[in-house]
């Protein structure tokens, strides 16, 4: 099973909550990823490309699989920090 996603990675939960608020205000996921994400994918709007099931850490993958295409998650905690995930 191939998956595609974008994400925004930050250090603190309050930062992720602030980003969710900005999304609700109409900011684009891609712009927020470029502005705030700590991941190398930030330059491409948070795009992680295509990957297989089992390649991401379990908590990230579980949250991703619960989303429908183009749906955005709430705050997801992993050992890397706090993510907001958009399934593609």
N, C-alpha and C. Protein backbone atom coordinates (compact mmCIF):
# COMPACT_ATOMS: atom_id res chain seq x y z
N UNK A 1 0.84 -1.19 0.00
CA UNK A 1 0.00 0.00 0.00
C UNK A 1 0.88 1.25 0.00
N UNK A 2 0.69 2.10 -1.00
CA UNK A 2 1.46 3.34 -1.08
C UNK A 2 0.66 4.47 -0.44
N UNK A 3 1.34 5.30 0.31
CA UNK A 3 0.73 6.44 0.99
C UNK A 3 1.42 7.71 0.55
N UNK A 4 0.69 8.82 0.59
CA UNK A 4 1.27 10.14 0.31
C UNK A 4 0.76 11.10 1.36
N UNK A 5 1.66 11.95 1.83
CA UNK A 5 1.27 12.89 2.87
C UNK A 5 2.17 14.12 2.86
N UNK A 6 1.65 15.16 3.49
CA UNK A 6 2.43 16.35 3.82
C UNK A 6 2.35 16.47 5.34
N UNK A 7 3.35 17.12 5.92
CA UNK A 7 3.26 17.34 7.37
C UNK A 7 3.99 18.61 7.76
N UNK A 8 3.66 19.06 8.94
CA UNK A 8 4.36 20.18 9.58
C UNK A 8 4.86 19.64 10.91
N UNK A 9 6.15 19.79 11.14
CA UNK A 9 6.78 19.29 12.37
C UNK A 9 7.29 20.46 13.20
N UNK A 10 6.87 20.52 14.46
CA UNK A 10 7.34 21.55 15.40
C UNK A 10 7.76 20.89 16.71
N UNK A 11 8.43 21.65 17.54
CA UNK A 11 8.97 21.13 18.80
C UNK A 11 7.93 21.04 19.91
N UNK A 12 7.03 22.02 19.97
CA UNK A 12 6.11 22.14 21.10
C UNK A 12 4.66 22.00 20.66
N UNK A 13 3.85 21.43 21.53
CA UNK A 13 2.43 21.24 21.22
C UNK A 13 1.71 22.58 21.01
N UNK A 14 2.08 23.60 21.79
CA UNK A 14 1.41 24.90 21.62
C UNK A 14 1.67 25.48 20.22
N UNK A 15 2.86 25.20 19.64
CA UNK A 15 3.14 25.66 18.28
C UNK A 15 2.21 24.97 17.28
N UNK A 16 2.02 23.68 17.46
CA UNK A 16 1.13 22.92 16.57
C UNK A 16 -0.30 23.44 16.69
N UNK A 17 -0.74 23.74 17.90
CA UNK A 17 -2.08 24.28 18.10
C UNK A 17 -2.24 25.65 17.44
N UNK A 18 -1.20 26.47 17.51
CA UNK A 18 -1.23 27.78 16.83
C UNK A 18 -1.34 27.61 15.32
N UNK A 19 -0.64 26.62 14.78
CA UNK A 19 -0.70 26.36 13.34
C UNK A 19 -2.09 25.86 12.93
N UNK A 20 -2.68 24.99 13.74
CA UNK A 20 -4.06 24.55 13.46
C UNK A 20 -5.02 25.74 13.43
N UNK A 21 -4.82 26.67 14.33
CA UNK A 21 -5.65 27.88 14.36
C UNK A 21 -5.47 28.67 13.06
N UNK A 22 -4.23 28.81 12.61
CA UNK A 22 -3.96 29.54 11.37
C UNK A 22 -4.60 28.84 10.16
N UNK A 23 -4.61 27.50 10.18
CA UNK A 23 -5.27 26.75 9.10
C UNK A 23 -6.77 27.06 9.08
N UNK A 24 -7.38 27.11 10.26
CA UNK A 24 -8.82 27.42 10.35
C UNK A 24 -9.11 28.84 9.89
N UNK A 25 -8.11 29.72 10.02
CA UNK A 25 -8.27 31.12 9.58
C UNK A 25 -8.07 31.27 8.07
N UNK A 26 -7.69 30.17 7.40
CA UNK A 26 -7.58 30.22 5.95
C UNK A 26 -6.18 30.19 5.37
N UNK A 27 -5.15 30.11 6.21
CA UNK A 27 -3.79 30.00 5.70
C UNK A 27 -3.63 28.63 5.04
N UNK A 28 -2.76 28.54 4.04
CA UNK A 28 -2.59 27.25 3.37
C UNK A 28 -1.61 26.36 4.13
N UNK A 29 -1.87 25.08 4.05
CA UNK A 29 -1.01 24.09 4.70
C UNK A 29 0.43 24.26 4.22
N UNK A 30 0.60 24.42 2.90
CA UNK A 30 1.93 24.50 2.30
C UNK A 30 2.70 25.72 2.79
N UNK A 31 2.03 26.88 2.86
CA UNK A 31 2.70 28.09 3.36
C UNK A 31 3.11 27.93 4.82
N UNK A 32 2.23 27.35 5.62
CA UNK A 32 2.55 27.15 7.03
C UNK A 32 3.70 26.16 7.20
N UNK A 33 3.74 25.13 6.37
CA UNK A 33 4.85 24.17 6.43
C UNK A 33 6.16 24.88 6.11
N UNK A 34 6.16 25.70 5.06
CA UNK A 34 7.38 26.43 4.68
C UNK A 34 7.83 27.37 5.79
N UNK A 35 6.86 28.01 6.46
CA UNK A 35 7.19 29.00 7.49
C UNK A 35 7.58 28.41 8.84
N UNK A 36 7.01 27.25 9.19
CA UNK A 36 7.17 26.77 10.57
C UNK A 36 7.77 25.37 10.74
N UNK A 37 7.70 24.52 9.73
CA UNK A 37 8.13 23.13 9.93
C UNK A 37 9.64 23.02 10.08
N UNK A 38 10.05 22.14 10.98
CA UNK A 38 11.47 21.88 11.23
C UNK A 38 12.02 20.78 10.33
N UNK A 39 11.14 20.13 9.58
CA UNK A 39 11.54 19.01 8.72
C UNK A 39 12.13 19.56 7.41
N UNK A 40 13.02 18.79 6.82
CA UNK A 40 13.59 19.15 5.52
C UNK A 40 12.54 19.27 4.44
N UNK A 41 11.38 18.66 4.65
CA UNK A 41 10.29 18.73 3.66
C UNK A 41 9.62 20.11 3.64
N UNK A 42 9.99 20.99 4.56
CA UNK A 42 9.36 22.31 4.64
C UNK A 42 9.48 23.07 3.33
N UNK A 43 10.64 22.97 2.68
CA UNK A 43 10.88 23.71 1.44
C UNK A 43 9.89 23.32 0.34
N UNK A 44 9.38 22.09 0.41
CA UNK A 44 8.40 21.63 -0.59
C UNK A 44 6.97 21.64 -0.02
N UNK A 45 6.72 22.53 0.93
CA UNK A 45 5.38 22.64 1.50
C UNK A 45 5.01 21.48 2.40
N UNK A 46 6.01 20.79 2.93
CA UNK A 46 5.77 19.67 3.84
C UNK A 46 5.58 18.33 3.15
N UNK A 47 5.76 18.30 1.83
CA UNK A 47 5.50 17.08 1.06
C UNK A 47 6.52 15.98 1.38
N UNK A 48 6.02 14.85 1.87
CA UNK A 48 6.87 13.70 2.18
C UNK A 48 6.98 12.73 1.01
N UNK A 49 6.26 13.02 -0.08
CA UNK A 49 6.29 12.13 -1.23
C UNK A 49 5.50 10.87 -0.97
N UNK A 50 5.83 9.83 -1.74
CA UNK A 50 5.14 8.55 -1.63
C UNK A 50 5.98 7.59 -0.80
N UNK A 51 5.33 6.84 0.07
CA UNK A 51 6.04 5.88 0.91
C UNK A 51 5.13 4.69 1.18
N UNK A 52 5.73 3.61 1.59
CA UNK A 52 4.99 2.38 1.86
C UNK A 52 4.54 2.33 3.31
N UNK A 53 3.48 1.57 3.53
CA UNK A 53 3.02 1.32 4.89
C UNK A 53 4.17 0.69 5.67
N UNK A 54 4.35 1.14 6.91
CA UNK A 54 5.41 0.62 7.75
C UNK A 54 6.69 1.44 7.72
N UNK A 55 6.77 2.45 6.85
CA UNK A 55 7.99 3.26 6.76
C UNK A 55 8.03 4.40 7.77
N UNK A 56 6.86 4.80 8.25
CA UNK A 56 6.79 5.90 9.22
C UNK A 56 6.60 5.32 10.63
N UNK A 57 6.90 6.14 11.63
CA UNK A 57 6.73 5.67 13.01
C UNK A 57 5.25 5.36 13.24
N UNK A 58 4.95 4.39 14.10
CA UNK A 58 3.57 3.91 14.26
C UNK A 58 2.53 4.99 14.57
N UNK A 59 2.84 5.93 15.46
CA UNK A 59 1.83 6.95 15.81
C UNK A 59 1.53 7.86 14.63
N UNK A 60 2.53 8.16 13.82
CA UNK A 60 2.33 8.97 12.61
C UNK A 60 1.47 8.21 11.61
N UNK A 61 1.83 6.96 11.36
CA UNK A 61 1.10 6.15 10.39
C UNK A 61 -0.35 5.91 10.81
N UNK A 62 -0.57 5.66 12.09
CA UNK A 62 -1.93 5.43 12.58
C UNK A 62 -2.79 6.67 12.35
N UNK A 63 -2.25 7.85 12.64
CA UNK A 63 -2.99 9.09 12.42
C UNK A 63 -3.25 9.32 10.94
N UNK A 64 -2.25 9.04 10.11
CA UNK A 64 -2.39 9.21 8.66
C UNK A 64 -3.48 8.30 8.10
N UNK A 65 -3.48 7.05 8.51
CA UNK A 65 -4.45 6.09 7.99
C UNK A 65 -5.88 6.40 8.43
N UNK A 66 -6.04 7.16 9.50
CA UNK A 66 -7.37 7.54 9.98
C UNK A 66 -7.96 8.70 9.16
N UNK A 67 -7.12 9.33 8.33
CA UNK A 67 -7.57 10.48 7.53
C UNK A 67 -8.08 10.04 6.16
N UNK A 68 -8.98 10.83 5.61
CA UNK A 68 -9.37 10.65 4.22
C UNK A 68 -8.50 11.58 3.37
N UNK A 69 -8.40 11.35 2.07
CA UNK A 69 -7.57 12.23 1.23
C UNK A 69 -7.95 13.71 1.39
N UNK A 70 -6.93 14.54 1.52
CA UNK A 70 -7.02 15.99 1.73
C UNK A 70 -7.50 16.40 3.11
N UNK A 71 -7.71 15.44 4.00
CA UNK A 71 -8.08 15.76 5.38
C UNK A 71 -6.81 16.07 6.18
N UNK A 72 -6.94 16.98 7.14
CA UNK A 72 -5.82 17.39 7.98
C UNK A 72 -6.06 16.90 9.41
N UNK A 73 -5.02 16.35 10.00
CA UNK A 73 -5.11 15.80 11.36
C UNK A 73 -5.12 16.91 12.40
N UNK A 74 -5.36 16.49 13.63
CA UNK A 74 -5.08 17.34 14.77
C UNK A 74 -3.59 17.18 15.09
N UNK A 75 -3.21 17.49 16.31
CA UNK A 75 -1.81 17.38 16.72
C UNK A 75 -1.48 15.91 16.97
N UNK A 76 -0.38 15.45 16.36
CA UNK A 76 0.09 14.06 16.50
C UNK A 76 1.49 14.10 17.10
N UNK A 77 1.66 13.43 18.25
CA UNK A 77 2.96 13.42 18.92
C UNK A 77 3.74 12.17 18.52
N UNK A 78 5.02 12.38 18.16
CA UNK A 78 5.95 11.27 17.94
C UNK A 78 7.24 11.60 18.67
N UNK A 79 8.21 10.72 18.56
CA UNK A 79 9.50 10.99 19.21
C UNK A 79 10.24 12.16 18.56
N UNK A 80 9.77 12.60 17.38
CA UNK A 80 10.42 13.70 16.67
C UNK A 80 9.85 15.06 17.04
N UNK A 81 8.67 15.06 17.63
CA UNK A 81 8.02 16.32 18.00
C UNK A 81 6.52 16.20 17.76
N UNK A 82 5.92 17.32 17.37
CA UNK A 82 4.48 17.38 17.16
C UNK A 82 4.20 17.67 15.69
N UNK A 83 3.34 16.86 15.12
CA UNK A 83 3.04 16.94 13.70
C UNK A 83 1.60 17.36 13.46
N UNK A 84 1.40 18.00 12.32
CA UNK A 84 0.08 18.16 11.72
C UNK A 84 0.23 17.49 10.36
N UNK A 85 -0.65 16.56 10.07
CA UNK A 85 -0.52 15.71 8.88
C UNK A 85 -1.67 15.98 7.92
N UNK A 86 -1.34 16.03 6.64
CA UNK A 86 -2.35 16.13 5.59
C UNK A 86 -2.18 14.93 4.68
N UNK A 87 -3.22 14.12 4.59
CA UNK A 87 -3.16 12.95 3.71
C UNK A 87 -3.44 13.38 2.27
N UNK A 88 -2.68 12.85 1.35
CA UNK A 88 -2.87 13.18 -0.07
C UNK A 88 -3.45 11.99 -0.80
